[in-house]
Amino acid sequence: MKVLVATDKPFAPVAVKGIREVIEGAGFGFELLEKYSEKNKLIKAVAKADAVIIRSDIIDRQVLEAAANLKIVVRAGAGYDNVDLEAASEKGICVMNTPGQNSNAVAELALGMMVYAMRNMFNGTSGAELKGKVLGIHAYGNVGRCVARIAKGFGMEVYAYDPYCRADLFENDGVKVFCRLEDLYEKCQIVSLHIPATDETRKCINAELLGRMPKNAILVNTARKEVIDETSLMMLMENRGDFKYITDIMPAADAKFAEKFPGRYFSTPKKMGAQTAEANINAGIAAAKQIVGFFKEDNQTFRVNP
C-alpha cells in the first residue's frame, strides 16, 4: 500500500514527520512530493499511489484518470472544492476532508483581521475596539463556532445564521440566532464569512445583501473567494466610503480593489487561514489516520463524495 503526500504548498516539517510515522507505523509505503512546479509531476507521482493526502492541490479528472490504483484522496483541511468529486465517484475513489482540524487557526486569523480593520490597518490613526461591537457569523460550522468563542472573549455581541445548524448549538454557545439572512446583515457591523463554495453560495455575497449592513461595516472573508460577487462589492464600496473588506482569499480584481480603496481593503498574498504549525500538524496527522482507518477498518466517516 503506497500513500503519497502531494503538496505544492508543503506541510511544516514536523507535520510531515508525524504523517510519515502514522503511515509507516501502519505498514504502508510513504512518498513525498512537495513544491512541484508542473502538473505533470503530480500526475506521474500519483500513477502508482493507493492513497493521496493533499492540501489546496487540484485533483481534477486528468489527475484521477492517471491514478490507476488510487482508492482514497484526503484533503487535509475542511474545504474540498479542489477535488473533482464527480470524477472520483465515477472511478470508485473515496474523497475525505478533515473537518475541525484547522478551525481554531482560521478563527484566530478572522479575529486578527477584525482588529486590523478596526484599528485602521495600523496606519497611526485612532481606531476602535471590538468590545461591545456586534458580530454576525455567516455559517456556524467548526470555524464559525471557534470565531464565536474567541469573539465573546473580546466582549463582542455575537449573532449567527445557519439554517443547517441545530438550534441547541447556538443556545449552548450563548449565540443569538437569526432565521433570515437579511436580518443578520442588517443587525451586524461586522460579518465573518464561513460558507463553502457551492452552486447555491457562489456570488451570493453581493451589494444588495451587504448594503443592509450598518455604518462603518466590515466584511471579513476567510472562506472562499467564489462566494463574493466582486463586481457588485466594488460598486458598493464606491458608493459607501465607510465599508471595509478584509479577505484571506485574494480576489481576481485584487489590484483594482487595492487601487480604489486604500485603507478600506486588505487581502493576504496567499491563503493564510490554516498556516500555523498546529493546524499543519493536526490536519496532516488526521488525514494519515483516516487513510489507515479506511484501509484497515473501512472507516469512511468523513467521506464527502457519494
C-alpha atoms as a PDB file:
ATOM      1  CA  MET A   1       0.000   0.000   0.000  1.00  0.00           C
ATOM      2  CA  LYS A   2       1.542   3.293  -1.110  1.00  0.00           C
ATOM      3  CA  VAL A   3       0.500   6.664   0.344  1.00  0.00           C
ATOM      4  CA  LEU A   4       1.521   9.827  -1.490  1.00  0.00           C
ATOM      5  CA  VAL A   5       1.651  13.207   0.241  1.00  0.00           C
ATOM      6  CA  ALA A   6       1.384  15.719  -2.623  1.00  0.00           C
ATOM      7  CA  THR A   7       1.576  19.333  -1.506  1.00  0.00           C
ATOM      8  CA  ASP A   8       2.683  22.184  -3.720  1.00  0.00           C
ATOM      9  CA  LYS A   9       2.388  24.306  -0.563  1.00  0.00           C
ATOM     10  CA  PRO A  10       4.207  21.965   1.844  1.00  0.00           C
ATOM     11  CA  PHE A  11       3.239  20.880   5.314  1.00  0.00           C
ATOM     12  CA  ALA A  12       5.543  22.012   8.116  1.00  0.00           C
ATOM     13  CA  PRO A  13       8.455  19.542   8.541  1.00  0.00           C
ATOM     14  CA  VAL A  14       7.147  18.423  11.934  1.00  0.00           C
ATOM     15  CA  ALA A  15       3.789  17.614  10.314  1.00  0.00           C
ATOM     16  CA  VAL A  16       5.488  15.579   7.563  1.00  0.00           C
ATOM     17  CA  LYS A  17       7.365  13.665  10.251  1.00  0.00           C
ATOM     18  CA  GLY A  18       4.113  12.882  12.070  1.00  0.00           C
ATOM     19  CA  ILE A  19       2.349  11.815   8.876  1.00  0.00           C
ATOM     20  CA  ARG A  20       5.235   9.535   7.926  1.00  0.00           C
ATOM     21  CA  GLU A  21       5.204   7.922  11.381  1.00  0.00           C
ATOM     22  CA  VAL A  22       1.468   7.156  11.150  1.00  0.00           C
ATOM     23  CA  ILE A  23       1.699   5.789   7.595  1.00  0.00           C
ATOM     24  CA  GLU A  24       4.844   3.705   8.061  1.00  0.00           C
ATOM     25  CA  GLY A  25       3.680   2.597  11.503  1.00  0.00           C
ATOM     26  CA  ALA A  26       0.674   1.016   9.800  1.00  0.00           C
ATOM     27  CA  GLY A  27       2.977  -0.856   7.439  1.00  0.00           C
ATOM     28  CA  PHE A  28       2.257   1.314   4.393  1.00  0.00           C
ATOM     29  CA  GLY A  29       4.728   2.895   1.996  1.00  0.00           C
ATOM     30  CA  PHE A  30       5.257   6.664   2.138  1.00  0.00           C
ATOM     31  CA  GLU A  31       6.163   9.052  -0.687  1.00  0.00           C
ATOM     32  CA  LEU A  32       6.502  12.829  -0.539  1.00  0.00           C
ATOM     33  CA  LEU A  33       6.039  15.305  -3.398  1.00  0.00           C
ATOM     34  CA  GLU A  34       6.487  18.972  -2.435  1.00  0.00           C
ATOM     35  CA  LYS A  35       6.690  22.258  -4.317  1.00  0.00           C
ATOM     36  CA  TYR A  36       6.093  20.594  -7.661  1.00  0.00           C
ATOM     37  CA  SER A  37       6.280  23.221 -10.370  1.00  0.00           C
ATOM     38  CA  GLU A  38       4.354  21.321 -13.049  1.00  0.00           C
ATOM     39  CA  LYS A  39       1.124  19.351 -13.011  1.00  0.00           C
ATOM     40  CA  ASN A  40       2.869  16.521 -14.860  1.00  0.00           C
ATOM     41  CA  LYS A  41       4.961  15.853 -11.759  1.00  0.00           C
ATOM     42  CA  LEU A  42       1.785  15.290  -9.751  1.00  0.00           C
ATOM     43  CA  ILE A  43       0.331  13.075 -12.472  1.00  0.00           C
ATOM     44  CA  LYS A  44       3.498  10.974 -12.557  1.00  0.00           C
ATOM     45  CA  ALA A  45       3.666  10.666  -8.766  1.00  0.00           C
ATOM     46  CA  VAL A  46       0.017   9.681  -8.338  1.00  0.00           C
ATOM     47  CA  ALA A  47       0.175   6.974 -11.013  1.00  0.00           C
ATOM     48  CA  LYS A  48       1.122   4.200  -8.573  1.00  0.00           C
ATOM     49  CA  ALA A  49      -0.375   5.594  -5.369  1.00  0.00           C
ATOM     50  CA  ASP A  50      -3.141   3.810  -3.473  1.00  0.00           C
ATOM     51  CA  ALA A  51      -3.887   6.911  -1.402  1.00  0.00           C
ATOM     52  CA  VAL A  52      -3.017  10.593  -1.551  1.00  0.00           C
ATOM     53  CA  ILE A  53      -3.000  13.375   1.010  1.00  0.00           C
ATOM     54  CA  ILE A  54      -3.306  16.918  -0.356  1.00  0.00           C
ATOM     55  CA  ARG A  55      -3.830  20.475   0.838  1.00  0.00           C
ATOM     56  CA  SER A  56      -5.048  23.022  -1.745  1.00  0.00           C
ATOM     57  CA  ASP A  57      -3.719  20.924  -4.617  1.00  0.00           C
ATOM     58  CA  ILE A  58      -6.015  20.401  -7.605  1.00  0.00           C
ATOM     59  CA  ILE A  59      -7.148  16.815  -8.073  1.00  0.00           C
ATOM     60  CA  ASP A  60      -9.122  17.004 -11.289  1.00  0.00           C
ATOM     61  CA  ARG A  61     -10.329  14.380 -13.758  1.00  0.00           C
ATOM     62  CA  GLN A  62      -6.982  14.295 -15.563  1.00  0.00           C
ATOM     63  CA  VAL A  63      -5.099  13.528 -12.349  1.00  0.00           C
ATOM     64  CA  LEU A  64      -7.633  10.890 -11.307  1.00  0.00           C
ATOM     65  CA  GLU A  65      -7.534   9.209 -14.713  1.00  0.00           C
ATOM     66  CA  ALA A  66      -3.775   8.824 -14.320  1.00  0.00           C
ATOM     67  CA  ALA A  67      -4.111   7.161 -10.905  1.00  0.00           C
ATOM     68  CA  ALA A  68      -4.856   3.545 -11.755  1.00  0.00           C
ATOM     69  CA  ASN A  69      -4.505   2.254  -8.180  1.00  0.00           C
ATOM     70  CA  LEU A  70      -5.969   5.195  -6.283  1.00  0.00           C
ATOM     71  CA  LYS A  71      -8.669   4.355  -3.752  1.00  0.00           C
ATOM     72  CA  ILE A  72      -8.782   7.391  -1.475  1.00  0.00           C
ATOM     73  CA  VAL A  73      -7.961  11.121  -1.521  1.00  0.00           C
ATOM     74  CA  VAL A  74      -7.872  13.024   1.754  1.00  0.00           C
ATOM     75  CA  ARG A  75      -7.883  16.807   1.748  1.00  0.00           C
ATOM     76  CA  ALA A  76      -6.060  17.977   4.882  1.00  0.00           C
ATOM     77  CA  GLY A  77      -8.498  20.742   5.712  1.00  0.00           C
ATOM     78  CA  ALA A  78     -12.203  21.468   5.625  1.00  0.00           C
ATOM     79  CA  GLY A  79     -12.778  22.676   2.055  1.00  0.00           C
ATOM     80  CA  TYR A  80     -12.675  20.137  -0.762  1.00  0.00           C
ATOM     81  CA  ASP A  81     -13.755  22.068  -3.863  1.00  0.00           C
ATOM     82  CA  ASN A  82     -10.256  21.457  -5.276  1.00  0.00           C
ATOM     83  CA  VAL A  83     -11.188  17.802  -5.855  1.00  0.00           C
ATOM     84  CA  ASP A  84     -13.413  16.668  -8.731  1.00  0.00           C
ATOM     85  CA  LEU A  85     -15.932  14.674  -6.679  1.00  0.00           C
ATOM     86  CA  GLU A  86     -17.920  13.504  -9.691  1.00  0.00           C
ATOM     87  CA  ALA A  87     -14.862  12.058 -11.397  1.00  0.00           C
ATOM     88  CA  ALA A  88     -13.727  10.444  -8.145  1.00  0.00           C
ATOM     89  CA  SER A  89     -17.108   8.796  -7.620  1.00  0.00           C
ATOM     90  CA  GLU A  90     -17.121   7.506 -11.198  1.00  0.00           C
ATOM     91  CA  LYS A  91     -13.803   5.776 -10.518  1.00  0.00           C
ATOM     92  CA  GLY A  92     -14.915   4.460  -7.114  1.00  0.00           C
ATOM     93  CA  ILE A  93     -12.443   6.665  -5.254  1.00  0.00           C
ATOM     94  CA  CYS A  94     -13.338   7.820  -1.750  1.00  0.00           C
ATOM     95  CA  VAL A  95     -12.741  11.515  -1.007  1.00  0.00           C
ATOM     96  CA  MET A  96     -12.481  12.768   2.571  1.00  0.00           C
ATOM     97  CA  ASN A  97     -11.710  16.014   4.338  1.00  0.00           C
ATOM     98  CA  THR A  98     -10.501  16.602   7.904  1.00  0.00           C
ATOM     99  CA  PRO A  99     -13.153  18.898   9.401  1.00  0.00           C
ATOM    100  CA  GLY A 100     -12.296  20.851  12.518  1.00  0.00           C
ATOM    101  CA  GLN A 101      -8.528  20.409  12.402  1.00  0.00           C
ATOM    102  CA  ASN A 102      -7.820  23.923  11.054  1.00  0.00           C
ATOM    103  CA  SER A 103     -10.772  25.629  12.725  1.00  0.00           C
ATOM    104  CA  ASN A 104      -9.014  27.451  15.536  1.00  0.00           C
ATOM    105  CA  ALA A 105      -6.256  28.697  13.229  1.00  0.00           C
ATOM    106  CA  VAL A 106      -8.785  30.160  10.775  1.00  0.00           C
ATOM    107  CA  ALA A 107     -10.855  31.654  13.593  1.00  0.00           C
ATOM    108  CA  GLU A 108      -7.855  33.374  15.160  1.00  0.00           C
ATOM    109  CA  LEU A 109      -6.960  34.855  11.783  1.00  0.00           C
ATOM    110  CA  ALA A 110     -10.533  36.125  11.344  1.00  0.00           C
ATOM    111  CA  LEU A 111     -10.409  37.919  14.698  1.00  0.00           C
ATOM    112  CA  GLY A 112      -6.951  39.266  13.899  1.00  0.00           C
ATOM    113  CA  MET A 113      -8.309  40.700  10.661  1.00  0.00           C
ATOM    114  CA  MET A 114     -11.153  42.333  12.587  1.00  0.00           C
ATOM    115  CA  VAL A 115      -8.669  44.014  14.921  1.00  0.00           C
ATOM    116  CA  TYR A 116      -6.603  45.113  11.913  1.00  0.00           C
ATOM    117  CA  ALA A 117      -9.635  46.658  10.222  1.00  0.00           C
ATOM    118  CA  MET A 118     -10.951  48.324  13.376  1.00  0.00           C
ATOM    119  CA  ARG A 119      -7.513  49.872  14.046  1.00  0.00           C
ATOM    120  CA  ASN A 120      -7.431  51.400  10.547  1.00  0.00           C
ATOM    121  CA  MET A 121      -4.858  48.877   9.363  1.00  0.00           C
ATOM    122  CA  PHE A 122      -2.345  50.206  11.879  1.00  0.00           C
ATOM    123  CA  ASN A 123      -1.849  53.440   9.950  1.00  0.00           C
ATOM    124  CA  GLY A 124      -1.177  55.516  13.059  1.00  0.00           C
ATOM    125  CA  THR A 125      -4.664  56.998  13.415  1.00  0.00           C
ATOM    126  CA  SER A 126      -7.156  56.306  16.192  1.00  0.00           C
ATOM    127  CA  GLY A 127      -9.333  53.282  15.557  1.00  0.00           C
ATOM    128  CA  ALA A 128     -11.944  51.477  17.624  1.00  0.00           C
ATOM    129  CA  GLU A 129     -12.193  48.398  19.825  1.00  0.00           C
ATOM    130  CA  LEU A 130     -14.003  45.121  19.224  1.00  0.00           C
ATOM    131  CA  LYS A 131     -15.512  45.163  22.700  1.00  0.00           C
ATOM    132  CA  GLY A 132     -19.224  45.885  22.503  1.00  0.00           C
ATOM    133  CA  LYS A 133     -19.358  45.595  18.714  1.00  0.00           C
ATOM    134  CA  VAL A 134     -21.977  43.404  17.029  1.00  0.00           C
ATOM    135  CA  LEU A 135     -20.573  40.427  15.102  1.00  0.00           C
ATOM    136  CA  GLY A 136     -22.501  38.293  12.642  1.00  0.00           C
ATOM    137  CA  ILE A 137     -21.251  34.811  11.785  1.00  0.00           C
ATOM    138  CA  HIS A 138     -22.492  33.604   8.404  1.00  0.00           C
ATOM    139  CA  ALA A 139     -22.433  29.784   8.732  1.00  0.00           C
ATOM    140  CA  TYR A 140     -21.954  28.183  12.117  1.00  0.00           C
ATOM    141  CA  GLY A 141     -19.745  25.175  11.467  1.00  0.00           C
ATOM    142  CA  ASN A 142     -16.472  24.315  13.185  1.00  0.00           C
ATOM    143  CA  VAL A 143     -14.779  27.588  12.264  1.00  0.00           C
ATOM    144  CA  GLY A 144     -17.847  29.697  12.994  1.00  0.00           C
ATOM    145  CA  ARG A 145     -18.125  28.222  16.469  1.00  0.00           C
ATOM    146  CA  CYS A 146     -14.462  28.964  17.174  1.00  0.00           C
ATOM    147  CA  VAL A 147     -14.969  32.541  15.982  1.00  0.00           C
ATOM    148  CA  ALA A 148     -17.904  32.903  18.375  1.00  0.00           C
ATOM    149  CA  ARG A 149     -15.871  31.586  21.302  1.00  0.00           C
ATOM    150  CA  ILE A 150     -12.984  33.981  20.701  1.00  0.00           C
ATOM    151  CA  ALA A 151     -15.254  36.937  19.903  1.00  0.00           C
ATOM    152  CA  LYS A 152     -17.115  36.512  23.175  1.00  0.00           C
ATOM    153  CA  GLY A 153     -13.748  36.723  24.914  1.00  0.00           C
ATOM    154  CA  PHE A 154     -13.318  40.133  23.285  1.00  0.00           C
ATOM    155  CA  GLY A 155     -16.674  41.155  24.724  1.00  0.00           C
ATOM    156  CA  MET A 156     -18.491  41.220  21.397  1.00  0.00           C
ATOM    157  CA  GLU A 157     -22.217  40.655  20.933  1.00  0.00           C
ATOM    158  CA  VAL A 158     -22.437  37.577  18.721  1.00  0.00           C
ATOM    159  CA  TYR A 159     -25.181  36.603  16.264  1.00  0.00           C
ATOM    160  CA  ALA A 160     -25.230  33.822  13.682  1.00  0.00           C
ATOM    161  CA  TYR A 161     -27.139  32.489  10.716  1.00  0.00           C
ATOM    162  CA  ASP A 162     -27.039  28.859   9.618  1.00  0.00           C
ATOM    163  CA  PRO A 163     -30.217  27.036   8.561  1.00  0.00           C
ATOM    164  CA  TYR A 164     -28.362  23.709   8.652  1.00  0.00           C
ATOM    165  CA  CYS A 165     -27.202  24.033  12.262  1.00  0.00           C
ATOM    166  CA  ARG A 166     -29.054  22.580  15.254  1.00  0.00           C
ATOM    167  CA  ALA A 167     -30.718  25.204  17.453  1.00  0.00           C
ATOM    168  CA  ASP A 168     -29.188  23.789  20.633  1.00  0.00           C
ATOM    169  CA  LEU A 169     -25.664  24.572  19.397  1.00  0.00           C
ATOM    170  CA  PHE A 170     -26.425  28.292  19.269  1.00  0.00           C
ATOM    171  CA  GLU A 171     -28.108  28.153  22.660  1.00  0.00           C
ATOM    172  CA  ASN A 172     -25.275  26.220  24.319  1.00  0.00           C
ATOM    173  CA  ASP A 173     -22.707  28.689  22.953  1.00  0.00           C
ATOM    174  CA  GLY A 174     -24.683  31.747  24.063  1.00  0.00           C
ATOM    175  CA  VAL A 175     -25.066  32.961  20.473  1.00  0.00           C
ATOM    176  CA  LYS A 176     -28.216  34.685  19.217  1.00  0.00           C
ATOM    177  CA  VAL A 177     -29.596  33.247  16.008  1.00  0.00           C
ATOM    178  CA  PHE A 178     -31.368  34.830  13.045  1.00  0.00           C
ATOM    179  CA  CYS A 179     -33.737  32.833  10.868  1.00  0.00           C
ATOM    180  CA  ARG A 180     -33.385  35.278   7.971  1.00  0.00           C
ATOM    181  CA  LEU A 181     -30.005  36.022   6.421  1.00  0.00           C
ATOM    182  CA  GLU A 182     -31.018  39.613   5.703  1.00  0.00           C
ATOM    183  CA  ASP A 183     -31.600  40.202   9.418  1.00  0.00           C
ATOM    184  CA  LEU A 184     -28.035  39.160  10.233  1.00  0.00           C
ATOM    185  CA  TYR A 185     -26.587  41.715   7.830  1.00  0.00           C
ATOM    186  CA  GLU A 186     -28.942  44.477   8.951  1.00  0.00           C
ATOM    187  CA  LYS A 187     -28.000  43.976  12.606  1.00  0.00           C
ATOM    188  CA  CYS A 188     -24.246  43.386  12.484  1.00  0.00           C
ATOM    189  CA  GLN A 189     -21.487  45.943  11.922  1.00  0.00           C
ATOM    190  CA  ILE A 190     -19.001  43.119  11.333  1.00  0.00           C
ATOM    191  CA  VAL A 191     -19.805  39.942   9.398  1.00  0.00           C
ATOM    192  CA  SER A 192     -17.447  36.961   9.232  1.00  0.00           C
ATOM    193  CA  LEU A 193     -17.973  34.556   6.314  1.00  0.00           C
ATOM    194  CA  HIS A 194     -17.603  30.796   6.758  1.00  0.00           C
ATOM    195  CA  ILE A 195     -19.697  29.405   3.917  1.00  0.00           C
ATOM    196  CA  PRO A 196     -18.411  26.854   1.384  1.00  0.00           C
ATOM    197  CA  ALA A 197     -18.330  27.496  -2.353  1.00  0.00           C
ATOM    198  CA  THR A 198     -21.319  25.618  -3.806  1.00  0.00           C
ATOM    199  CA  ASP A 199     -23.777  26.224  -6.623  1.00  0.00           C
ATOM    200  CA  GLU A 200     -26.056  27.769  -4.006  1.00  0.00           C
ATOM    201  CA  THR A 201     -23.470  30.112  -2.475  1.00  0.00           C
ATOM    202  CA  ARG A 202     -21.380  31.304  -5.433  1.00  0.00           C
ATOM    203  CA  LYS A 203     -21.632  35.113  -5.685  1.00  0.00           C
ATOM    204  CA  CYS A 204     -24.324  35.152  -3.004  1.00  0.00           C
ATOM    205  CA  ILE A 205     -22.483  37.920  -1.111  1.00  0.00           C
ATOM    206  CA  ASN A 206     -23.475  40.941  -3.157  1.00  0.00           C
ATOM    207  CA  ALA A 207     -24.278  44.649  -2.921  1.00  0.00           C
ATOM    208  CA  GLU A 208     -27.940  44.052  -2.156  1.00  0.00           C
ATOM    209  CA  LEU A 209     -27.066  41.983   0.916  1.00  0.00           C
ATOM    210  CA  LEU A 210     -24.030  43.981   2.055  1.00  0.00           C
ATOM    211  CA  GLY A 211     -25.842  47.274   1.569  1.00  0.00           C
ATOM    212  CA  ARG A 212     -28.039  46.330   4.526  1.00  0.00           C
ATOM    213  CA  MET A 213     -25.099  46.490   6.941  1.00  0.00           C
ATOM    214  CA  PRO A 214     -24.854  49.395   9.429  1.00  0.00           C
ATOM    215  CA  LYS A 215     -22.451  52.318   9.127  1.00  0.00           C
ATOM    216  CA  ASN A 216     -18.729  51.501   9.353  1.00  0.00           C
ATOM    217  CA  ALA A 217     -19.397  47.948   8.214  1.00  0.00           C
ATOM    218  CA  ILE A 218     -16.611  45.379   7.908  1.00  0.00           C
ATOM    219  CA  LEU A 219     -16.814  42.166   5.887  1.00  0.00           C
ATOM    220  CA  VAL A 220     -14.231  39.507   6.791  1.00  0.00           C
ATOM    221  CA  ASN A 221     -13.798  36.594   4.404  1.00  0.00           C
ATOM    222  CA  THR A 222     -11.757  33.558   5.441  1.00  0.00           C
ATOM    223  CA  ALA A 223     -13.980  31.181   3.439  1.00  0.00           C
ATOM    224  CA  ARG A 224     -13.837  31.180  -0.378  1.00  0.00           C
ATOM    225  CA  LYS A 225     -13.452  33.963  -2.935  1.00  0.00           C
ATOM    226  CA  GLU A 226     -16.132  32.373  -5.133  1.00  0.00           C
ATOM    227  CA  VAL A 227     -18.880  33.356  -2.672  1.00  0.00           C
ATOM    228  CA  ILE A 228     -18.189  37.062  -3.336  1.00  0.00           C
ATOM    229  CA  ASP A 229     -19.747  38.909  -6.260  1.00  0.00           C
ATOM    230  CA  GLU A 230     -16.651  41.059  -6.834  1.00  0.00           C
ATOM    231  CA  THR A 231     -18.234  43.451  -9.329  1.00  0.00           C
ATOM    232  CA  SER A 232     -21.166  44.065  -7.026  1.00  0.00           C
ATOM    233  CA  LEU A 233     -18.916  44.504  -3.969  1.00  0.00           C
ATOM    234  CA  MET A 234     -16.756  47.026  -5.811  1.00  0.00           C
ATOM    235  CA  MET A 235     -19.813  49.076  -6.762  1.00  0.00           C
ATOM    236  CA  LEU A 236     -20.967  49.040  -3.146  1.00  0.00           C
ATOM    237  CA  MET A 237     -17.575  50.201  -1.849  1.00  0.00           C
ATOM    238  CA  GLU A 238     -17.543  53.008  -4.422  1.00  0.00           C
ATOM    239  CA  ASN A 239     -20.863  54.235  -3.037  1.00  0.00           C
ATOM    240  CA  ARG A 240     -20.101  53.627   0.626  1.00  0.00           C
ATOM    241  CA  GLY A 241     -16.889  55.201   1.859  1.00  0.00           C
ATOM    242  CA  ASP A 242     -17.402  53.637   5.293  1.00  0.00           C
ATOM    243  CA  PHE A 243     -17.318  49.996   4.091  1.00  0.00           C
ATOM    244  CA  LYS A 244     -14.218  47.811   4.581  1.00  0.00           C
ATOM    245  CA  TYR A 245     -13.432  44.435   3.031  1.00  0.00           C
ATOM    246  CA  ILE A 246     -10.754  42.215   4.598  1.00  0.00           C
ATOM    247  CA  THR A 247     -10.079  38.846   2.997  1.00  0.00           C
ATOM    248  CA  ASP A 248      -7.807  35.828   3.292  1.00  0.00           C
ATOM    249  CA  ILE A 249      -8.550  34.848  -0.314  1.00  0.00           C
ATOM    250  CA  MET A 250      -7.159  37.244  -2.877  1.00  0.00           C
ATOM    251  CA  PRO A 251      -9.887  38.382  -5.302  1.00  0.00           C
ATOM    252  CA  ALA A 252      -9.388  38.192  -9.048  1.00  0.00           C
ATOM    253  CA  ALA A 253      -9.626  42.003  -9.037  1.00  0.00           C
ATOM    254  CA  ASP A 254      -7.145  42.454  -6.174  1.00  0.00           C
ATOM    255  CA  ALA A 255      -5.130  45.207  -7.869  1.00  0.00           C
ATOM    256  CA  LYS A 256      -8.259  47.206  -8.642  1.00  0.00           C
ATOM    257  CA  PHE A 257      -9.595  46.854  -5.080  1.00  0.00           C
ATOM    258  CA  ALA A 258      -6.241  47.966  -3.654  1.00  0.00           C
ATOM    259  CA  GLU A 259      -6.056  50.957  -6.012  1.00  0.00           C
ATOM    260  CA  LYS A 260      -9.637  52.117  -5.464  1.00  0.00           C
ATOM    261  CA  PHE A 261      -9.970  51.565  -1.721  1.00  0.00           C
ATOM    262  CA  PRO A 262      -6.721  52.265   0.138  1.00  0.00           C
ATOM    263  CA  GLY A 263      -7.271  51.926   3.873  1.00  0.00           C
ATOM    264  CA  ARG A 264     -10.527  50.040   3.324  1.00  0.00           C
ATOM    265  CA  TYR A 265      -9.334  46.876   1.624  1.00  0.00           C
ATOM    266  CA  PHE A 266      -6.783  44.224   2.512  1.00  0.00           C
ATOM    267  CA  SER A 267      -6.005  40.762   1.172  1.00  0.00           C
ATOM    268  CA  THR A 268      -3.385  38.315   2.330  1.00  0.00           C
ATOM    269  CA  PRO A 269      -0.944  37.500  -0.509  1.00  0.00           C
ATOM    270  CA  LYS A 270      -1.938  33.840  -0.216  1.00  0.00           C
ATOM    271  CA  LYS A 271      -4.462  31.968   1.899  1.00  0.00           C
ATOM    272  CA  MET A 272      -3.167  32.023   5.470  1.00  0.00           C
ATOM    273  CA  GLY A 273      -6.077  30.601   7.491  1.00  0.00           C
ATOM    274  CA  ALA A 274      -4.540  27.185   8.110  1.00  0.00           C
ATOM    275  CA  GLN A 275      -0.927  28.377   8.032  1.00  0.00           C
ATOM    276  CA  THR A 276       0.031  27.562  11.598  1.00  0.00           C
ATOM    277  CA  ALA A 277       2.274  24.787  12.857  1.00  0.00           C
ATOM    278  CA  GLU A 278      -0.564  23.457  14.971  1.00  0.00           C
ATOM    279  CA  ALA A 279      -3.069  23.336  12.102  1.00  0.00           C
ATOM    280  CA  ASN A 280      -0.470  21.743   9.816  1.00  0.00           C
ATOM    281  CA  ILE A 281       0.178  19.002  12.331  1.00  0.00           C
ATOM    282  CA  ASN A 282      -3.465  18.439  13.260  1.00  0.00           C
ATOM    283  CA  ALA A 283      -4.803  18.255   9.705  1.00  0.00           C
ATOM    284  CA  GLY A 284      -1.910  16.239   8.294  1.00  0.00           C
ATOM    285  CA  ILE A 285      -1.912  13.605  11.013  1.00  0.00           C
ATOM    286  CA  ALA A 286      -5.721  13.409  10.936  1.00  0.00           C
ATOM    287  CA  ALA A 287      -5.519  12.735   7.184  1.00  0.00           C
ATOM    288  CA  ALA A 288      -2.944   9.989   7.717  1.00  0.00           C
ATOM    289  CA  LYS A 289      -5.049   8.331  10.435  1.00  0.00           C
ATOM    290  CA  GLN A 290      -8.139   8.473   8.227  1.00  0.00           C
ATOM    291  CA  ILE A 291      -6.273   6.667   5.445  1.00  0.00           C
ATOM    292  CA  VAL A 292      -5.148   3.959   7.859  1.00  0.00           C
ATOM    293  CA  GLY A 293      -8.704   3.617   9.181  1.00  0.00           C
ATOM    294  CA  PHE A 294     -10.071   3.421   5.647  1.00  0.00           C
ATOM    295  CA  PHE A 295      -7.805   0.562   4.580  1.00  0.00           C
ATOM    296  CA  LYS A 296      -7.800  -1.385   7.835  1.00  0.00           C
ATOM    297  CA  GLU A 297     -11.377  -0.857   9.058  1.00  0.00           C
ATOM    298  CA  ASP A 298     -13.240   0.521   6.021  1.00  0.00           C
ATOM    299  CA  ASN A 299     -13.894   3.659   8.097  1.00  0.00           C
ATOM    300  CA  GLN A 300     -15.429   6.284   5.805  1.00  0.00           C
ATOM    301  CA  THR A 301     -16.701   8.692   8.477  1.00  0.00           C
ATOM    302  CA  PHE A 302     -15.513  11.847   6.727  1.00  0.00           C
ATOM    303  CA  ARG A 303     -16.343  10.838   3.175  1.00  0.00           C
ATOM    304  CA  VAL A 304     -17.629  13.822   1.144  1.00  0.00           C
ATOM    305  CA  ASN A 305     -18.497  12.224  -2.207  1.00  0.00           C
ATOM    306  CA  PRO A 306     -21.385   9.838  -2.973  1.00  0.00           C
END
